[in-house]
C-alpha atoms as a PDB file:
ATOM      1  CA  MET A   1       1.611 -43.496  68.023  1.00  0.00           C
ATOM      2  CA  THR A   2      -1.339 -45.774  67.246  1.00  0.00           C
ATOM      3  CA  ALA A   3      -0.202 -49.095  65.748  1.00  0.00           C
ATOM      4  CA  VAL A   4      -2.295 -51.314  63.472  1.00  0.00           C
ATOM      5  CA  VAL A   5      -2.068 -54.791  61.970  1.00  0.00           C
ATOM      6  CA  ILE A   6      -3.929 -55.107  58.656  1.00  0.00           C
ATOM      7  CA  ALA A   7      -5.466 -58.490  57.837  1.00  0.00           C
ATOM      8  CA  ASP A   8      -6.836 -58.812  54.299  1.00  0.00           C
ATOM      9  CA  ASP A   9      -6.155 -61.311  51.525  1.00  0.00           C
ATOM     10  CA  GLU A  10      -6.214 -58.689  48.766  1.00  0.00           C
ATOM     11  CA  PRO A  11      -2.764 -57.084  48.342  1.00  0.00           C
ATOM     12  CA  LEU A  12      -4.254 -54.023  46.660  1.00  0.00           C
ATOM     13  CA  VAL A  13      -6.582 -53.400  49.600  1.00  0.00           C
ATOM     14  CA  VAL A  14      -3.699 -53.803  52.053  1.00  0.00           C
ATOM     15  CA  ALA A  15      -1.546 -51.376  50.066  1.00  0.00           C
ATOM     16  CA  GLY A  16      -4.330 -48.788  49.913  1.00  0.00           C
ATOM     17  CA  VAL A  17      -5.168 -49.065  53.611  1.00  0.00           C
ATOM     18  CA  ARG A  18      -1.481 -48.827  54.542  1.00  0.00           C
ATOM     19  CA  THR A  19      -1.092 -45.656  52.480  1.00  0.00           C
ATOM     20  CA  VAL A  20      -4.148 -44.025  54.049  1.00  0.00           C
ATOM     21  CA  LEU A  21      -3.147 -44.881  57.621  1.00  0.00           C
ATOM     22  CA  GLU A  22       0.512 -43.964  57.331  1.00  0.00           C
ATOM     23  CA  ALA A  23      -0.394 -40.631  55.725  1.00  0.00           C
ATOM     24  CA  ALA A  24      -2.464 -39.917  58.844  1.00  0.00           C
ATOM     25  CA  GLY A  25       0.420 -40.753  61.200  1.00  0.00           C
ATOM     26  CA  ILE A  26      -0.860 -44.222  62.132  1.00  0.00           C
ATOM     27  CA  ALA A  27       1.833 -46.928  62.172  1.00  0.00           C
ATOM     28  CA  VAL A  28       1.215 -50.191  60.310  1.00  0.00           C
ATOM     29  CA  ALA A  29       3.071 -52.793  62.376  1.00  0.00           C
ATOM     30  CA  ALA A  30       2.414 -55.673  59.970  1.00  0.00           C
ATOM     31  CA  ALA A  31       0.110 -56.965  57.242  1.00  0.00           C
ATOM     32  CA  ALA A  32      -1.276 -60.483  56.939  1.00  0.00           C
ATOM     33  CA  HIS A  33      -3.020 -62.132  54.015  1.00  0.00           C
ATOM     34  CA  ASP A  34      -4.708 -65.037  55.795  1.00  0.00           C
ATOM     35  CA  GLY A  35      -6.335 -65.558  59.155  1.00  0.00           C
ATOM     36  CA  ARG A  36      -3.649 -67.640  60.823  1.00  0.00           C
ATOM     37  CA  ASP A  37      -0.936 -65.157  59.875  1.00  0.00           C
ATOM     38  CA  ALA A  38      -3.170 -62.375  61.185  1.00  0.00           C
ATOM     39  CA  VAL A  39      -3.429 -63.942  64.646  1.00  0.00           C
ATOM     40  CA  ALA A  40       0.331 -64.571  64.674  1.00  0.00           C
ATOM     41  CA  ALA A  41       1.070 -60.973  63.624  1.00  0.00           C
ATOM     42  CA  VAL A  42      -1.182 -59.579  66.346  1.00  0.00           C
ATOM     43  CA  ALA A  43       0.442 -61.834  68.959  1.00  0.00           C
ATOM     44  CA  ALA A  44       3.914 -60.740  67.811  1.00  0.00           C
ATOM     45  CA  HIS A  45       3.294 -56.989  67.528  1.00  0.00           C
ATOM     46  CA  ARG A  46       0.435 -56.420  70.013  1.00  0.00           C
ATOM     47  CA  PRO A  47      -0.972 -53.443  68.094  1.00  0.00           C
ATOM     48  CA  ASP A  48      -3.694 -51.111  69.333  1.00  0.00           C
ATOM     49  CA  VAL A  49      -6.019 -52.147  66.502  1.00  0.00           C
ATOM     50  CA  ALA A  50      -6.362 -55.150  64.208  1.00  0.00           C
ATOM     51  CA  LEU A  51      -8.110 -54.197  60.979  1.00  0.00           C
ATOM     52  CA  VAL A  52      -9.717 -57.496  59.942  1.00  0.00           C
ATOM     53  CA  ASP A  53     -11.406 -58.522  56.711  1.00  0.00           C
ATOM     54  CA  LEU A  54     -14.220 -60.997  57.368  1.00  0.00           C
ATOM     55  CA  HIS A  55     -13.319 -63.174  54.382  1.00  0.00           C
ATOM     56  CA  MET A  56      -9.826 -64.648  54.444  1.00  0.00           C
ATOM     57  CA  PRO A  57      -8.372 -68.073  53.644  1.00  0.00           C
ATOM     58  CA  GLY A  58      -7.078 -70.414  56.331  1.00  0.00           C
ATOM     59  CA  LEU A  59      -8.955 -68.856  59.208  1.00  0.00           C
ATOM     60  CA  GLY A  60     -11.930 -66.584  58.674  1.00  0.00           C
ATOM     61  CA  GLY A  61     -12.216 -63.082  60.050  1.00  0.00           C
ATOM     62  CA  LEU A  62     -14.810 -64.139  62.626  1.00  0.00           C
ATOM     63  CA  GLU A  63     -12.406 -66.660  64.122  1.00  0.00           C
ATOM     64  CA  VAL A  64      -9.610 -64.086  64.057  1.00  0.00           C
ATOM     65  CA  VAL A  65     -11.782 -61.655  66.038  1.00  0.00           C
ATOM     66  CA  GLU A  66     -12.614 -64.353  68.587  1.00  0.00           C
ATOM     67  CA  ARG A  67      -8.938 -65.307  69.034  1.00  0.00           C
ATOM     68  CA  LEU A  68      -7.629 -61.777  69.487  1.00  0.00           C
ATOM     69  CA  ALA A  69      -8.472 -61.669  73.199  1.00  0.00           C
ATOM     70  CA  ALA A  70      -6.111 -64.571  73.844  1.00  0.00           C
ATOM     71  CA  ALA A  71      -3.468 -63.483  71.328  1.00  0.00           C
ATOM     72  CA  SER A  72      -3.284 -59.864  72.524  1.00  0.00           C
ATOM     73  CA  PRO A  73      -5.835 -58.704  75.134  1.00  0.00           C
ATOM     74  CA  GLY A  74      -5.045 -55.038  74.507  1.00  0.00           C
ATOM     75  CA  THR A  75      -5.749 -55.216  70.766  1.00  0.00           C
ATOM     76  CA  ARG A  76      -9.202 -54.208  69.562  1.00  0.00           C
ATOM     77  CA  ALA A  77     -10.771 -55.514  66.354  1.00  0.00           C
ATOM     78  CA  LEU A  78     -12.017 -53.172  63.642  1.00  0.00           C
ATOM     79  CA  VAL A  79     -13.815 -55.196  60.983  1.00  0.00           C
ATOM     80  CA  LEU A  80     -13.801 -54.457  57.268  1.00  0.00           C
ATOM     81  CA  THR A  81     -17.121 -55.480  55.781  1.00  0.00           C
ATOM     82  CA  SER A  82     -19.355 -54.989  52.768  1.00  0.00           C
ATOM     83  CA  PHE A  83     -23.048 -54.767  51.997  1.00  0.00           C
ATOM     84  CA  GLY A  84     -24.752 -58.143  51.915  1.00  0.00           C
ATOM     85  CA  ASP A  85     -22.700 -59.515  54.795  1.00  0.00           C
ATOM     86  CA  GLN A  86     -25.243 -58.922  57.534  1.00  0.00           C
ATOM     87  CA  GLU A  87     -25.101 -62.288  59.284  1.00  0.00           C
ATOM     88  CA  ASN A  88     -21.319 -62.215  59.590  1.00  0.00           C
ATOM     89  CA  VAL A  89     -21.451 -58.662  60.906  1.00  0.00           C
ATOM     90  CA  LEU A  90     -23.875 -59.711  63.629  1.00  0.00           C
ATOM     91  CA  ALA A  91     -21.643 -62.659  64.533  1.00  0.00           C
ATOM     92  CA  ALA A  92     -18.645 -60.319  64.743  1.00  0.00           C
ATOM     93  CA  VAL A  93     -20.585 -58.005  67.090  1.00  0.00           C
ATOM     94  CA  GLU A  94     -21.351 -60.957  69.328  1.00  0.00           C
ATOM     95  CA  GLY A  95     -17.724 -62.076  69.063  1.00  0.00           C
ATOM     96  CA  GLY A  96     -16.488 -58.801  70.532  1.00  0.00           C
ATOM     97  CA  ALA A  97     -15.513 -56.631  67.551  1.00  0.00           C
ATOM     98  CA  ALA A  98     -15.176 -52.982  68.533  1.00  0.00           C
ATOM     99  CA  GLY A  99     -16.010 -51.396  65.198  1.00  0.00           C
ATOM    100  CA  PHE A 100     -17.084 -51.861  61.594  1.00  0.00           C
ATOM    101  CA  VAL A 101     -16.308 -49.960  58.429  1.00  0.00           C
ATOM    102  CA  LEU A 102     -17.413 -50.628  54.893  1.00  0.00           C
ATOM    103  CA  LYS A 103     -14.713 -51.378  52.349  1.00  0.00           C
ATOM    104  CA  THR A 104     -16.191 -48.568  50.276  1.00  0.00           C
ATOM    105  CA  CYS A 105     -15.748 -45.943  53.016  1.00  0.00           C
ATOM    106  CA  ALA A 106     -13.832 -42.725  52.443  1.00  0.00           C
ATOM    107  CA  PRO A 107     -10.197 -42.611  53.631  1.00  0.00           C
ATOM    108  CA  GLU A 108     -11.131 -40.034  56.263  1.00  0.00           C
ATOM    109  CA  GLU A 109     -13.726 -42.370  57.747  1.00  0.00           C
ATOM    110  CA  LEU A 110     -11.220 -45.219  57.982  1.00  0.00           C
ATOM    111  CA  VAL A 111      -8.800 -42.989  59.899  1.00  0.00           C
ATOM    112  CA  THR A 112     -11.594 -41.809  62.208  1.00  0.00           C
ATOM    113  CA  ALA A 113     -12.660 -45.394  62.870  1.00  0.00           C
ATOM    114  CA  VAL A 114      -9.129 -46.574  63.687  1.00  0.00           C
ATOM    115  CA  ARG A 115      -8.551 -43.677  66.070  1.00  0.00           C
ATOM    116  CA  ALA A 116     -11.910 -44.173  67.803  1.00  0.00           C
ATOM    117  CA  VAL A 117     -11.358 -47.895  68.317  1.00  0.00           C
ATOM    118  CA  ALA A 118      -7.782 -47.307  69.517  1.00  0.00           C
ATOM    119  CA  ALA A 119      -9.173 -44.818  72.058  1.00  0.00           C
ATOM    120  CA  GLY A 120     -11.484 -47.465  73.495  1.00  0.00           C
ATOM    121  CA  GLU A 121     -14.656 -46.419  71.730  1.00  0.00           C
ATOM    122  CA  ALA A 122     -16.809 -48.314  69.264  1.00  0.00           C
ATOM    123  CA  TYR A 123     -17.170 -47.214  65.678  1.00  0.00           C
ATOM    124  CA  LEU A 124     -19.969 -48.090  63.298  1.00  0.00           C
ATOM    125  CA  SER A 125     -20.582 -46.194  60.117  1.00  0.00           C
ATOM    126  CA  PRO A 126     -24.261 -45.177  59.842  1.00  0.00           C
ATOM    127  CA  ALA A 127     -24.762 -47.711  57.048  1.00  0.00           C
ATOM    128  CA  VAL A 128     -23.339 -50.546  59.151  1.00  0.00           C
ATOM    129  CA  THR A 129     -25.362 -49.441  62.178  1.00  0.00           C
ATOM    130  CA  ARG A 130     -28.589 -49.741  60.196  1.00  0.00           C
ATOM    131  CA  MET A 131     -27.463 -53.101  58.866  1.00  0.00           C
ATOM    132  CA  VAL A 132     -26.652 -54.495  62.328  1.00  0.00           C
ATOM    133  CA  LEU A 133     -29.638 -53.141  64.241  1.00  0.00           C
ATOM    134  CA  GLY A 134     -31.998 -54.333  61.534  1.00  0.00           C
ATOM    135  CA  LEU A 135     -30.922 -57.945  61.846  1.00  0.00           C
ATOM    136  CA  VAL A 136     -32.625 -59.088  65.023  1.00  0.00           C
ATOM    137  CA  ALA A 137     -36.305 -58.493  65.576  1.00  0.00           C
ATOM    138  CA  PRO A 138     -36.628 -56.380  68.741  1.00  0.00           C
ATOM    139  CA  GLU A 139     -40.057 -57.879  69.422  1.00  0.00           C
ATOM    140  CA  SER A 140     -38.489 -61.287  70.095  1.00  0.00           C
ATOM    141  CA  VAL A 141     -39.941 -62.039  73.541  1.00  0.00           C
ATOM    142  CA  PRO A 142     -36.966 -63.900  75.079  1.00  0.00           C
ATOM    143  CA  ARG A 143     -34.484 -61.305  73.815  1.00  0.00           C
ATOM    144  CA  ARG A 144     -36.596 -58.420  75.062  1.00  0.00           C
ATOM    145  CA  ARG A 145     -37.157 -60.021  78.479  1.00  0.00           C
ATOM    146  CA  ASP A 146     -33.428 -60.637  78.895  1.00  0.00           C
ATOM    147  CA  ALA A 147     -32.588 -57.095  77.770  1.00  0.00           C
ATOM    148  CA  VAL A 148     -35.126 -55.505  80.128  1.00  0.00           C
ATOM    149  CA  GLU A 149     -33.787 -57.512  83.073  1.00  0.00           C
ATOM    150  CA  ARG A 150     -30.190 -56.563  82.320  1.00  0.00           C
ATOM    151  CA  VAL A 151     -30.918 -52.861  81.783  1.00  0.00           C
ATOM    152  CA  ALA A 152     -32.823 -52.856  85.102  1.00  0.00           C
ATOM    153  CA  ARG A 153     -29.456 -53.408  86.825  1.00  0.00           C
ATOM    154  CA  LEU A 154     -28.451 -49.869  85.902  1.00  0.00           C
ATOM    155  CA  ALA A 155     -28.925 -46.710  87.929  1.00  0.00           C
ATOM    156  CA  ALA A 156     -30.847 -43.863  86.288  1.00  0.00           C
ATOM    157  CA  ARG A 157     -27.717 -41.980  85.195  1.00  0.00           C
ATOM    158  CA  GLU A 158     -26.208 -45.175  83.790  1.00  0.00           C
ATOM    159  CA  ARG A 159     -29.373 -45.808  81.764  1.00  0.00           C
ATOM    160  CA  GLU A 160     -29.136 -42.268  80.405  1.00  0.00           C
ATOM    161  CA  VAL A 161     -25.566 -42.883  79.285  1.00  0.00           C
ATOM    162  CA  LEU A 162     -26.577 -46.229  77.755  1.00  0.00           C
ATOM    163  CA  GLU A 163     -29.271 -44.573  75.642  1.00  0.00           C
ATOM    164  CA  LEU A 164     -26.727 -42.080  74.302  1.00  0.00           C
ATOM    165  CA  VAL A 165     -24.303 -44.906  73.536  1.00  0.00           C
ATOM    166  CA  ALA A 166     -27.157 -46.566  71.626  1.00  0.00           C
ATOM    167  CA  GLU A 167     -27.526 -43.375  69.570  1.00  0.00           C
ATOM    168  CA  GLY A 168     -23.937 -43.869  68.435  1.00  0.00           C
ATOM    169  CA  LEU A 169     -22.503 -40.901  70.341  1.00  0.00           C
ATOM    170  CA  SER A 170     -18.822 -40.800  71.278  1.00  0.00           C
ATOM    171  CA  ASN A 171     -17.682 -40.196  74.853  1.00  0.00           C
ATOM    172  CA  ALA A 172     -16.991 -36.557  74.013  1.00  0.00           C
ATOM    173  CA  GLU A 173     -20.470 -36.101  72.533  1.00  0.00           C
ATOM    174  CA  ILE A 174     -22.091 -37.768  75.549  1.00  0.00           C
ATOM    175  CA  ALA A 175     -20.091 -35.506  77.860  1.00  0.00           C
ATOM    176  CA  GLY A 176     -21.509 -32.448  76.111  1.00  0.00           C
ATOM    177  CA  ARG A 177     -25.043 -33.823  76.281  1.00  0.00           C
ATOM    178  CA  VAL A 178     -25.060 -34.718  79.987  1.00  0.00           C
ATOM    179  CA  HIS A 179     -22.667 -31.995  81.192  1.00  0.00           C
ATOM    180  CA  MET A 180     -19.966 -34.298  82.531  1.00  0.00           C
ATOM    181  CA  SER A 181     -16.254 -34.501  81.864  1.00  0.00           C
ATOM    182  CA  GLU A 182     -15.186 -36.954  79.189  1.00  0.00           C
ATOM    183  CA  ALA A 183     -13.237 -38.923  81.814  1.00  0.00           C
ATOM    184  CA  THR A 184     -16.389 -39.278  83.918  1.00  0.00           C
ATOM    185  CA  VAL A 185     -18.368 -40.474  80.906  1.00  0.00           C
ATOM    186  CA  LYS A 186     -15.675 -43.054  80.146  1.00  0.00           C
ATOM    187  CA  THR A 187     -16.021 -44.351  83.711  1.00  0.00           C
ATOM    188  CA  TYR A 188     -19.808 -44.545  83.342  1.00  0.00           C
ATOM    189  CA  VAL A 189     -19.529 -46.412  80.028  1.00  0.00           C
ATOM    190  CA  SER A 190     -17.107 -48.943  81.533  1.00  0.00           C
ATOM    191  CA  ARG A 191     -19.476 -49.467  84.467  1.00  0.00           C
ATOM    192  CA  VAL A 192     -22.461 -49.903  82.146  1.00  0.00           C
ATOM    193  CA  LEU A 193     -20.634 -52.499  80.023  1.00  0.00           C
ATOM    194  CA  ALA A 194     -19.626 -54.421  83.144  1.00  0.00           C
ATOM    195  CA  LYS A 195     -23.143 -54.410  84.618  1.00  0.00           C
ATOM    196  CA  LEU A 196     -24.682 -55.499  81.319  1.00  0.00           C
ATOM    197  CA  ASP A 197     -22.035 -58.188  80.661  1.00  0.00           C
ATOM    198  CA  CYS A 198     -21.356 -56.584  77.279  1.00  0.00           C
ATOM    199  CA  ALA A 199     -17.970 -56.860  75.590  1.00  0.00           C
ATOM    200  CA  ASN A 200     -18.271 -53.538  73.785  1.00  0.00           C
ATOM    201  CA  ARG A 201     -20.451 -50.534  73.049  1.00  0.00           C
ATOM    202  CA  VAL A 202     -21.988 -52.186  70.002  1.00  0.00           C
ATOM    203  CA  GLN A 203     -23.407 -55.016  72.108  1.00  0.00           C
ATOM    204  CA  ALA A 204     -24.679 -52.473  74.645  1.00  0.00           C
ATOM    205  CA  ALA A 205     -26.414 -50.489  71.916  1.00  0.00           C
ATOM    206  CA  MET A 206     -28.175 -53.612  70.662  1.00  0.00           C
ATOM    207  CA  LEU A 207     -29.227 -54.488  74.202  1.00  0.00           C
ATOM    208  CA  ALA A 208     -30.681 -51.009  74.722  1.00  0.00           C
ATOM    209  CA  ARG A 209     -32.602 -51.292  71.466  1.00  0.00           C
ATOM    210  CA  ASP A 210     -33.995 -54.705  72.484  1.00  0.00           C
ATOM    211  CA  ALA A 211     -35.030 -53.408  75.905  1.00  0.00           C
ATOM    212  CA  ARG A 212     -37.049 -50.640  74.284  1.00  0.00           C
ATOM    213  CA  GLY A 213     -38.916 -53.208  72.182  1.00  0.00           C
END
């Protein structure tokens, strides 16, 4: 069973998220109401996913995301965010977050996001994707040059998979598009991330967008 630690300083939000996840058969291992407690809870329970609010007392969500790798390497961060928080979302992408959902999302989307992140995929709602990819000007010369050089490391099939990752497709959807097994696609995605020095699919998608210019 997928296990989650919820980190949010609003008790009502925590209660609502817990209800949604448990109704879907997802275990809530612990809940934390500030950043330091969140890191401690993740270290103690080592859940599959840490659902992290960006704004918490004591230690902010960005710092929590950055510390998760040391606290529990197998735990992946799914960030709760809101409109108007673009800069923090970008920082969380660069810090290694695996997914983003808006606090206003439907319960079904939250469950989908948790399951995707737990399965090793990235999850961005379409609204968050537009928000993130619109932050950095792709015509920035140094960024584009770096992106082009890094994408050039990839073989043709790897570049094809990268472009589909950048479209926001899941491994299963990519498998259907390129006529491979899902396991083979997962291997390709892991290889692409390693060659590009990207921590997650979100970073890879941004790199692909920058390389296109």
